[in-house]
Protein backbone atom coordinates (compact mmCIF):
# COMPACT_ATOMS: atom_id res chain seq x y z
CA MET A 1 -65.44 -125.25 -62.65
CA SER A 2 -68.14 -127.64 -63.81
CA ALA A 3 -69.24 -130.63 -61.77
CA TRP A 4 -67.58 -133.09 -64.17
CA SER A 5 -64.23 -131.31 -64.19
CA ARG A 6 -64.25 -131.03 -60.39
CA ALA A 7 -64.96 -134.76 -60.07
CA VAL A 8 -62.16 -135.63 -62.51
CA TYR A 9 -59.80 -133.28 -60.66
CA ASP A 10 -60.61 -134.93 -57.32
CA LEU A 11 -60.12 -138.41 -58.80
CA GLY A 12 -56.82 -137.44 -60.42
CA PHE A 13 -55.48 -135.82 -57.27
CA GLY A 14 -56.54 -138.83 -55.19
CA MET A 15 -54.81 -141.19 -57.61
CA ALA A 16 -51.64 -139.09 -57.53
CA LEU A 17 -51.63 -139.29 -53.73
CA MET A 18 -52.13 -143.06 -53.92
CA LEU A 19 -49.09 -143.31 -56.21
CA VAL A 20 -47.03 -141.63 -53.48
CA ALA A 21 -48.60 -143.95 -50.88
CA LEU A 22 -47.73 -147.01 -52.95
CA ASN A 23 -44.23 -145.56 -53.42
CA ALA A 24 -44.34 -145.61 -57.21
CA GLY A 25 -40.90 -144.65 -58.43
CA GLY A 26 -39.61 -144.04 -54.90
CA ALA A 27 -41.70 -140.87 -54.59
CA ALA A 28 -41.82 -140.90 -50.78
CA GLU A 29 -38.05 -141.24 -50.50
CA ARG A 30 -37.48 -138.42 -53.02
CA LEU A 31 -39.88 -136.13 -51.15
CA HIS A 32 -38.12 -136.99 -47.88
CA ARG A 33 -34.70 -136.24 -49.39
CA GLY A 34 -36.01 -132.87 -50.55
CA VAL A 35 -36.96 -131.77 -47.04
CA ALA A 36 -34.37 -133.73 -45.06
CA ASN A 37 -31.93 -130.80 -44.98
CA HIS A 38 -34.35 -128.58 -43.10
CA PRO A 39 -34.05 -128.80 -39.32
CA ARG A 40 -36.97 -130.48 -37.54
CA VAL A 41 -38.87 -131.04 -40.79
CA GLY A 42 -36.76 -133.97 -42.01
CA ALA A 43 -37.16 -135.76 -38.69
CA VAL A 44 -40.96 -135.54 -38.81
CA LEU A 45 -41.59 -136.16 -42.51
CA THR A 46 -40.15 -139.63 -42.84
CA PRO A 47 -41.07 -141.76 -45.86
CA VAL A 48 -43.45 -143.80 -43.70
CA VAL A 49 -45.30 -140.69 -42.52
CA LEU A 50 -45.49 -139.36 -46.09
CA ARG A 51 -46.85 -142.67 -47.37
CA ALA A 52 -49.43 -143.03 -44.59
CA THR A 53 -50.65 -139.45 -44.95
CA SER A 54 -50.84 -139.78 -48.73
CA ALA A 55 -52.80 -143.02 -48.41
CA VAL A 56 -55.42 -141.47 -46.13
CA LEU A 57 -55.77 -138.31 -48.21
CA GLY A 58 -55.79 -140.34 -51.43
CA VAL A 59 -58.65 -142.56 -50.26
CA ILE A 60 -60.62 -139.50 -49.16
CA GLY A 61 -59.96 -137.74 -52.48
CA ILE A 62 -61.01 -140.76 -54.53
CA ALA A 63 -64.16 -141.20 -52.43
CA ILE A 64 -65.14 -137.55 -52.84
CA GLY A 65 -64.40 -137.64 -56.55
CA THR A 66 -66.49 -140.77 -56.99
CA VAL A 67 -69.44 -139.25 -55.13
CA ARG A 68 -69.19 -136.07 -57.20
CA LEU A 69 -68.99 -138.11 -60.39
CA VAL A 70 -72.10 -140.14 -59.49
CA HIS A 71 -74.11 -137.04 -58.55
CA ALA A 72 -72.92 -134.85 -61.43
């Protein structure tokens, strides 16, 4: 994978995570409903936890993608 494609991949993945964090289209609730039937998992992966985790990972992904894009 070239440096440019890796940077674009990181930026795209970070933006997708930020869409979950900003709850675009109710993504966090839909993800929670998908795992809510599993014992112990549904209690831990609440929409708030999904949104917070996605926000942190999204910011990190965008930062890494930006650094890779600048140094590519």
